[in-house]
């Protein structure tokens, strides 16, 4: 792999900086608002069901989550939710939209080490405005020769990215925390993919079973990527 790789792409949320932890804290507060109607577990399940129904319309990100929260609230309360609960969802969401970016351990060190040796790409998905905000506030923009905010991360999306940066799959390494979004599609294209585990992962991104592929790398820390290059 060392002699083949020319481009290294990094996922953003929960690979470069903390994200899902804040989303889950937001969800817990939402469940508390619905406590007169549902248990926290049931409220969480209802929210996820709504998010999956709306994914093809709203895409990924915090704004999508907020809309699904309001819809879920209206449904489970049969329209009787206090308008102040809706206001609270909006307030909490806007608060999260302004939250400072917290880089994960080792990220800046690794990017500094790899810059100049490889062409670095940021490949993320989610709400365009929020991702742009986080990228700017992270202080990491300088490390990347190309930044791609994708509507999704499927095989076809990566194929378009590779064409855009003029990179063959066998010259491409993707690093991310989601096996479903960052690893499997890239392996299907014939690229290399490194999974960096994160303590908190969104339910939608869960993947059952072990990945068996010669181009797959499992990392305990992002710092370990240098051991394979």
C-alpha atoms as a PDB file:
ATOM      1  CA  UNK A   1       0.000   0.000   0.000  1.00  0.00           C
ATOM      2  CA  UNK A   2       2.820   2.411   0.867  1.00  0.00           C
ATOM      3  CA  UNK A   3       3.992   2.673  -2.753  1.00  0.00           C
ATOM      4  CA  UNK A   4       0.481   3.007  -4.221  1.00  0.00           C
ATOM      5  CA  UNK A   5      -1.311   5.652  -2.191  1.00  0.00           C
ATOM      6  CA  UNK A   6      -1.348   9.209  -3.561  1.00  0.00           C
ATOM      7  CA  UNK A   7      -4.520  10.583  -1.975  1.00  0.00           C
ATOM      8  CA  UNK A   8      -5.621  10.173   1.643  1.00  0.00           C
ATOM      9  CA  UNK A   9      -9.191  11.233   2.467  1.00  0.00           C
ATOM     10  CA  UNK A  10     -10.498  11.855   5.961  1.00  0.00           C
ATOM     11  CA  UNK A  11     -14.046  11.744   7.212  1.00  0.00           C
ATOM     12  CA  UNK A  12     -14.841  14.743   9.436  1.00  0.00           C
ATOM     13  CA  UNK A  13     -17.470  14.125  12.153  1.00  0.00           C
ATOM     14  CA  UNK A  14     -16.162  11.712  14.804  1.00  0.00           C
ATOM     15  CA  UNK A  15     -12.955  11.158  12.839  1.00  0.00           C
ATOM     16  CA  UNK A  16     -11.391  14.619  13.015  1.00  0.00           C
ATOM     17  CA  UNK A  17     -13.647  16.197  15.628  1.00  0.00           C
ATOM     18  CA  UNK A  18     -16.322  15.303  18.177  1.00  0.00           C
ATOM     19  CA  UNK A  19     -19.884  15.229  16.873  1.00  0.00           C
ATOM     20  CA  UNK A  20     -22.172  12.309  17.697  1.00  0.00           C
ATOM     21  CA  UNK A  21     -21.677  12.749  21.441  1.00  0.00           C
ATOM     22  CA  UNK A  22     -23.329  16.175  21.155  1.00  0.00           C
ATOM     23  CA  UNK A  23     -26.127  14.776  19.002  1.00  0.00           C
ATOM     24  CA  UNK A  24     -26.856  12.106  21.591  1.00  0.00           C
ATOM     25  CA  UNK A  25     -26.907  14.690  24.374  1.00  0.00           C
ATOM     26  CA  UNK A  26     -29.410  16.664  22.279  1.00  0.00           C
ATOM     27  CA  UNK A  27     -31.508  13.507  21.811  1.00  0.00           C
ATOM     28  CA  UNK A  28     -31.535  12.861  25.565  1.00  0.00           C
ATOM     29  CA  UNK A  29     -32.913  16.360  26.161  1.00  0.00           C
ATOM     30  CA  UNK A  30     -35.547  15.743  23.496  1.00  0.00           C
ATOM     31  CA  UNK A  31     -36.553  12.493  25.214  1.00  0.00           C
ATOM     32  CA  UNK A  32     -36.883  14.401  28.489  1.00  0.00           C
ATOM     33  CA  UNK A  33     -39.324  16.778  26.822  1.00  0.00           C
ATOM     34  CA  UNK A  34     -41.467  13.790  25.833  1.00  0.00           C
ATOM     35  CA  UNK A  35     -41.266  12.099  29.229  1.00  0.00           C
ATOM     36  CA  UNK A  36     -44.952  12.829  30.053  1.00  0.00           C
ATOM     37  CA  UNK A  37     -45.900  10.756  26.985  1.00  0.00           C
ATOM     38  CA  UNK A  38     -43.197   8.129  26.407  1.00  0.00           C
ATOM     39  CA  UNK A  39     -40.251   6.447  28.070  1.00  0.00           C
ATOM     40  CA  UNK A  40     -36.853   7.688  26.949  1.00  0.00           C
ATOM     41  CA  UNK A  41     -36.235   4.451  25.059  1.00  0.00           C
ATOM     42  CA  UNK A  42     -39.540   4.672  23.193  1.00  0.00           C
ATOM     43  CA  UNK A  43     -39.034   8.346  22.387  1.00  0.00           C
ATOM     44  CA  UNK A  44     -35.590   7.561  20.968  1.00  0.00           C
ATOM     45  CA  UNK A  45     -37.022   4.737  18.850  1.00  0.00           C
ATOM     46  CA  UNK A  46     -39.794   6.976  17.531  1.00  0.00           C
ATOM     47  CA  UNK A  47     -37.274   9.663  16.618  1.00  0.00           C
ATOM     48  CA  UNK A  48     -35.059   7.202  14.749  1.00  0.00           C
ATOM     49  CA  UNK A  49     -38.071   5.891  12.839  1.00  0.00           C
ATOM     50  CA  UNK A  50     -38.931   9.435  11.784  1.00  0.00           C
ATOM     51  CA  UNK A  51     -35.331  10.194  10.811  1.00  0.00           C
ATOM     52  CA  UNK A  52     -35.184   7.122   8.579  1.00  0.00           C
ATOM     53  CA  UNK A  53     -38.476   8.067   6.931  1.00  0.00           C
ATOM     54  CA  UNK A  54     -37.212  11.564   6.221  1.00  0.00           C
ATOM     55  CA  UNK A  55     -33.624  10.755   5.255  1.00  0.00           C
ATOM     56  CA  UNK A  56     -34.292  10.808   1.505  1.00  0.00           C
ATOM     57  CA  UNK A  57     -35.887  14.276   1.815  1.00  0.00           C
ATOM     58  CA  UNK A  58     -33.780  16.031   4.448  1.00  0.00           C
ATOM     59  CA  UNK A  59     -30.443  14.256   4.180  1.00  0.00           C
ATOM     60  CA  UNK A  60     -28.038  14.152   7.136  1.00  0.00           C
ATOM     61  CA  UNK A  61     -27.189  16.670   9.815  1.00  0.00           C
ATOM     62  CA  UNK A  62     -28.541  18.637  12.734  1.00  0.00           C
ATOM     63  CA  UNK A  63     -31.260  20.540  10.874  1.00  0.00           C
ATOM     64  CA  UNK A  64     -32.671  17.259   9.601  1.00  0.00           C
ATOM     65  CA  UNK A  65     -32.642  15.952  13.154  1.00  0.00           C
ATOM     66  CA  UNK A  66     -34.470  19.036  14.455  1.00  0.00           C
ATOM     67  CA  UNK A  67     -37.233  18.705  11.848  1.00  0.00           C
ATOM     68  CA  UNK A  68     -37.639  15.014  12.669  1.00  0.00           C
ATOM     69  CA  UNK A  69     -37.796  15.832  16.389  1.00  0.00           C
ATOM     70  CA  UNK A  70     -40.622  18.322  15.841  1.00  0.00           C
ATOM     71  CA  UNK A  71     -42.505  15.858  13.633  1.00  0.00           C
ATOM     72  CA  UNK A  72     -42.055  13.077  16.195  1.00  0.00           C
ATOM     73  CA  UNK A  73     -43.235  15.358  18.970  1.00  0.00           C
ATOM     74  CA  UNK A  74     -46.386  16.261  17.074  1.00  0.00           C
ATOM     75  CA  UNK A  75     -47.142  12.618  16.272  1.00  0.00           C
ATOM     76  CA  UNK A  76     -46.641  11.019  19.674  1.00  0.00           C
ATOM     77  CA  UNK A  77     -48.523  13.793  21.486  1.00  0.00           C
ATOM     78  CA  UNK A  78     -51.296  13.750  18.839  1.00  0.00           C
ATOM     79  CA  UNK A  79     -50.728  17.458  18.312  1.00  0.00           C
ATOM     80  CA  UNK A  80     -50.995  18.336  21.993  1.00  0.00           C
ATOM     81  CA  UNK A  81     -47.351  19.157  22.641  1.00  0.00           C
ATOM     82  CA  UNK A  82     -46.776  22.477  24.349  1.00  0.00           C
ATOM     83  CA  UNK A  83     -45.465  24.999  21.830  1.00  0.00           C
ATOM     84  CA  UNK A  84     -42.699  25.765  24.318  1.00  0.00           C
ATOM     85  CA  UNK A  85     -41.380  22.220  23.745  1.00  0.00           C
ATOM     86  CA  UNK A  86     -41.020  22.994  20.043  1.00  0.00           C
ATOM     87  CA  UNK A  87     -39.300  26.253  20.954  1.00  0.00           C
ATOM     88  CA  UNK A  88     -36.917  24.293  23.177  1.00  0.00           C
ATOM     89  CA  UNK A  89     -35.987  21.897  20.361  1.00  0.00           C
ATOM     90  CA  UNK A  90     -35.200  24.871  18.127  1.00  0.00           C
ATOM     91  CA  UNK A  91     -33.229  26.614  20.885  1.00  0.00           C
ATOM     92  CA  UNK A  92     -31.186  23.534  21.710  1.00  0.00           C
ATOM     93  CA  UNK A  93     -30.520  22.865  18.035  1.00  0.00           C
ATOM     94  CA  UNK A  94     -29.381  26.407  17.368  1.00  0.00           C
ATOM     95  CA  UNK A  95     -27.165  26.219  20.431  1.00  0.00           C
ATOM     96  CA  UNK A  96     -25.543  23.093  19.032  1.00  0.00           C
ATOM     97  CA  UNK A  97     -25.103  24.735  15.623  1.00  0.00           C
ATOM     98  CA  UNK A  98     -22.895  27.309  17.327  1.00  0.00           C
ATOM     99  CA  UNK A  99     -20.912  24.860  19.437  1.00  0.00           C
ATOM    100  CA  UNK A 100     -17.096  25.149  19.197  1.00  0.00           C
ATOM    101  CA  UNK A 101     -15.286  22.414  17.253  1.00  0.00           C
ATOM    102  CA  UNK A 102     -13.365  20.009  19.494  1.00  0.00           C
ATOM    103  CA  UNK A 103     -10.600  18.180  17.609  1.00  0.00           C
ATOM    104  CA  UNK A 104     -10.042  14.555  18.513  1.00  0.00           C
ATOM    105  CA  UNK A 105      -6.722  13.491  19.970  1.00  0.00           C
ATOM    106  CA  UNK A 106      -3.856  13.175  17.517  1.00  0.00           C
ATOM    107  CA  UNK A 107      -5.660  14.680  14.524  1.00  0.00           C
ATOM    108  CA  UNK A 108      -3.561  17.796  13.958  1.00  0.00           C
ATOM    109  CA  UNK A 109      -0.366  15.856  14.581  1.00  0.00           C
ATOM    110  CA  UNK A 110      -1.256  13.261  11.914  1.00  0.00           C
ATOM    111  CA  UNK A 111      -2.351  15.830   9.336  1.00  0.00           C
ATOM    112  CA  UNK A 112       0.872  17.782   9.842  1.00  0.00           C
ATOM    113  CA  UNK A 113       2.897  14.614   9.361  1.00  0.00           C
ATOM    114  CA  UNK A 114       1.096  13.527   6.176  1.00  0.00           C
ATOM    115  CA  UNK A 115       0.823  16.927   4.502  1.00  0.00           C
ATOM    116  CA  UNK A 116       3.356  17.193   1.693  1.00  0.00           C
ATOM    117  CA  UNK A 117       3.808  13.426   1.493  1.00  0.00           C
ATOM    118  CA  UNK A 118       0.289  12.786   0.191  1.00  0.00           C
ATOM    119  CA  UNK A 119      -2.548  14.844  -1.220  1.00  0.00           C
ATOM    120  CA  UNK A 120      -5.047  15.158   1.622  1.00  0.00           C
ATOM    121  CA  UNK A 121      -8.800  15.310   1.056  1.00  0.00           C
ATOM    122  CA  UNK A 122     -11.647  16.024   3.454  1.00  0.00           C
ATOM    123  CA  UNK A 123     -14.650  13.891   2.487  1.00  0.00           C
ATOM    124  CA  UNK A 124     -17.671  14.413   4.706  1.00  0.00           C
ATOM    125  CA  UNK A 125     -21.452  14.330   4.455  1.00  0.00           C
ATOM    126  CA  UNK A 126     -24.178  16.325   6.157  1.00  0.00           C
ATOM    127  CA  UNK A 127     -25.705  19.775   6.109  1.00  0.00           C
ATOM    128  CA  UNK A 128     -23.719  22.057   3.803  1.00  0.00           C
ATOM    129  CA  UNK A 129     -23.754  25.181   5.984  1.00  0.00           C
ATOM    130  CA  UNK A 130     -23.024  23.359   9.237  1.00  0.00           C
ATOM    131  CA  UNK A 131     -20.186  21.348   7.746  1.00  0.00           C
ATOM    132  CA  UNK A 132     -18.653  24.490   6.236  1.00  0.00           C
ATOM    133  CA  UNK A 133     -18.866  26.155   9.650  1.00  0.00           C
ATOM    134  CA  UNK A 134     -17.144  23.253  11.380  1.00  0.00           C
ATOM    135  CA  UNK A 135     -14.445  22.995   8.721  1.00  0.00           C
ATOM    136  CA  UNK A 136     -13.656  26.697   9.020  1.00  0.00           C
ATOM    137  CA  UNK A 137     -13.722  26.699  12.823  1.00  0.00           C
ATOM    138  CA  UNK A 138     -11.628  23.535  13.087  1.00  0.00           C
ATOM    139  CA  UNK A 139      -8.514  25.298  11.834  1.00  0.00           C
ATOM    140  CA  UNK A 140      -7.756  22.291   9.611  1.00  0.00           C
ATOM    141  CA  UNK A 141      -8.727  23.688   6.213  1.00  0.00           C
ATOM    142  CA  UNK A 142      -5.113  24.462   5.348  1.00  0.00           C
ATOM    143  CA  UNK A 143      -4.178  20.774   5.277  1.00  0.00           C
ATOM    144  CA  UNK A 144      -6.516  19.740   2.462  1.00  0.00           C
ATOM    145  CA  UNK A 145      -6.060  20.085  -1.277  1.00  0.00           C
ATOM    146  CA  UNK A 146      -9.748  19.321  -1.800  1.00  0.00           C
ATOM    147  CA  UNK A 147     -12.846  19.415   0.417  1.00  0.00           C
ATOM    148  CA  UNK A 148     -15.972  17.487  -0.575  1.00  0.00           C
ATOM    149  CA  UNK A 149     -19.259  17.805   1.320  1.00  0.00           C
ATOM    150  CA  UNK A 150     -21.257  14.861  -0.008  1.00  0.00           C
ATOM    151  CA  UNK A 151     -25.010  14.337   0.103  1.00  0.00           C
ATOM    152  CA  UNK A 152     -24.298  10.680   0.896  1.00  0.00           C
ATOM    153  CA  UNK A 153     -21.398   8.265   1.012  1.00  0.00           C
ATOM    154  CA  UNK A 154     -22.230   5.432  -1.321  1.00  0.00           C
ATOM    155  CA  UNK A 155     -20.146   3.780  -3.982  1.00  0.00           C
ATOM    156  CA  UNK A 156     -21.365   6.169  -6.682  1.00  0.00           C
ATOM    157  CA  UNK A 157     -20.567   9.195  -4.499  1.00  0.00           C
ATOM    158  CA  UNK A 158     -16.988   8.038  -4.037  1.00  0.00           C
ATOM    159  CA  UNK A 159     -16.687   7.265  -7.745  1.00  0.00           C
ATOM    160  CA  UNK A 160     -17.594  10.893  -8.497  1.00  0.00           C
ATOM    161  CA  UNK A 161     -15.089  12.123  -5.911  1.00  0.00           C
ATOM    162  CA  UNK A 162     -12.277  10.038  -7.417  1.00  0.00           C
ATOM    163  CA  UNK A 163     -13.093  11.326 -10.889  1.00  0.00           C
ATOM    164  CA  UNK A 164     -13.085  14.899  -9.627  1.00  0.00           C
ATOM    165  CA  UNK A 165      -9.641  14.630  -8.026  1.00  0.00           C
ATOM    166  CA  UNK A 166      -8.314  12.472 -10.890  1.00  0.00           C
ATOM    167  CA  UNK A 167      -7.417   9.542  -8.659  1.00  0.00           C
ATOM    168  CA  UNK A 168      -7.588   5.820  -9.363  1.00  0.00           C
ATOM    169  CA  UNK A 169      -9.174   3.666  -6.609  1.00  0.00           C
ATOM    170  CA  UNK A 170      -5.922   1.820  -5.940  1.00  0.00           C
ATOM    171  CA  UNK A 171      -4.240   5.178  -5.209  1.00  0.00           C
ATOM    172  CA  UNK A 172      -6.881   6.207  -2.663  1.00  0.00           C
ATOM    173  CA  UNK A 173      -7.064   5.650   1.101  1.00  0.00           C
ATOM    174  CA  UNK A 174     -10.187   6.650   3.054  1.00  0.00           C
ATOM    175  CA  UNK A 175     -10.011   7.056   6.836  1.00  0.00           C
ATOM    176  CA  UNK A 176     -13.194   7.237   8.906  1.00  0.00           C
ATOM    177  CA  UNK A 177     -15.187   5.996  11.880  1.00  0.00           C
ATOM    178  CA  UNK A 178     -18.163   4.514   9.998  1.00  0.00           C
ATOM    179  CA  UNK A 179     -17.749   1.085   8.417  1.00  0.00           C
ATOM    180  CA  UNK A 180     -20.997   1.607   6.519  1.00  0.00           C
ATOM    181  CA  UNK A 181     -20.161   5.016   5.044  1.00  0.00           C
ATOM    182  CA  UNK A 182     -16.367   5.318   5.072  1.00  0.00           C
ATOM    183  CA  UNK A 183     -15.140   1.773   4.570  1.00  0.00           C
ATOM    184  CA  UNK A 184     -17.381  -0.572   2.577  1.00  0.00           C
ATOM    185  CA  UNK A 185     -18.096   1.692  -0.437  1.00  0.00           C
ATOM    186  CA  UNK A 186     -14.400   2.443  -0.905  1.00  0.00           C
ATOM    187  CA  UNK A 187     -13.445  -1.224  -0.682  1.00  0.00           C
ATOM    188  CA  UNK A 188     -16.089  -2.036  -3.288  1.00  0.00           C
ATOM    189  CA  UNK A 189     -14.378   0.386  -5.670  1.00  0.00           C
ATOM    190  CA  UNK A 190     -10.987  -1.243  -5.107  1.00  0.00           C
ATOM    191  CA  UNK A 191      -9.575   1.460  -2.857  1.00  0.00           C
ATOM    192  CA  UNK A 192      -8.037   1.228   0.596  1.00  0.00           C
ATOM    193  CA  UNK A 193     -10.010   2.038   3.754  1.00  0.00           C
ATOM    194  CA  UNK A 194      -8.951   2.461   7.388  1.00  0.00           C
ATOM    195  CA  UNK A 195     -11.527   2.313  10.177  1.00  0.00           C
ATOM    196  CA  UNK A 196     -10.812   4.423  13.263  1.00  0.00           C
ATOM    197  CA  UNK A 197     -13.158   3.371  16.046  1.00  0.00           C
ATOM    198  CA  UNK A 198     -15.039   6.010  18.013  1.00  0.00           C
ATOM    199  CA  UNK A 199     -16.793   5.553  21.340  1.00  0.00           C
ATOM    200  CA  UNK A 200     -20.108   6.967  20.103  1.00  0.00           C
ATOM    201  CA  UNK A 201     -21.683   6.052  16.744  1.00  0.00           C
ATOM    202  CA  UNK A 202     -25.101   6.932  15.355  1.00  0.00           C
ATOM    203  CA  UNK A 203     -27.436   3.948  15.142  1.00  0.00           C
ATOM    204  CA  UNK A 204     -27.793   4.359  11.378  1.00  0.00           C
ATOM    205  CA  UNK A 205     -24.043   3.883  10.913  1.00  0.00           C
ATOM    206  CA  UNK A 206     -23.838   0.611  12.853  1.00  0.00           C
ATOM    207  CA  UNK A 207     -22.487  -2.385  10.950  1.00  0.00           C
ATOM    208  CA  UNK A 208     -22.746  -5.970  12.093  1.00  0.00           C
ATOM    209  CA  UNK A 209     -19.962  -8.449  11.466  1.00  0.00           C
ATOM    210  CA  UNK A 210     -16.287  -8.242  10.623  1.00  0.00           C
ATOM    211  CA  UNK A 211     -14.924  -6.735   7.427  1.00  0.00           C
ATOM    212  CA  UNK A 212     -12.900  -9.240   5.435  1.00  0.00           C
ATOM    213  CA  UNK A 213     -10.946  -7.522   2.663  1.00  0.00           C
ATOM    214  CA  UNK A 214      -7.230  -7.287   1.812  1.00  0.00           C
ATOM    215  CA  UNK A 215      -7.469  -3.482   1.520  1.00  0.00           C
ATOM    216  CA  UNK A 216      -9.067  -3.009   4.927  1.00  0.00           C
ATOM    217  CA  UNK A 217      -7.162  -1.595   7.900  1.00  0.00           C
ATOM    218  CA  UNK A 218      -8.437  -1.404  11.462  1.00  0.00           C
ATOM    219  CA  UNK A 219      -6.990   1.344  13.664  1.00  0.00           C
ATOM    220  CA  UNK A 220      -7.421   1.929  17.371  1.00  0.00           C
ATOM    221  CA  UNK A 221      -6.168   5.490  16.999  1.00  0.00           C
ATOM    222  CA  UNK A 222      -5.762   7.831  14.052  1.00  0.00           C
ATOM    223  CA  UNK A 223      -2.087   8.041  14.970  1.00  0.00           C
ATOM    224  CA  UNK A 224      -1.643   4.433  13.852  1.00  0.00           C
ATOM    225  CA  UNK A 225      -2.200   5.297  10.179  1.00  0.00           C
ATOM    226  CA  UNK A 226       1.478   6.214   9.849  1.00  0.00           C
ATOM    227  CA  UNK A 227       2.399   2.597  10.646  1.00  0.00           C
ATOM    228  CA  UNK A 228       0.813   1.484   7.363  1.00  0.00           C
ATOM    229  CA  UNK A 229       2.281   4.181   5.122  1.00  0.00           C
END
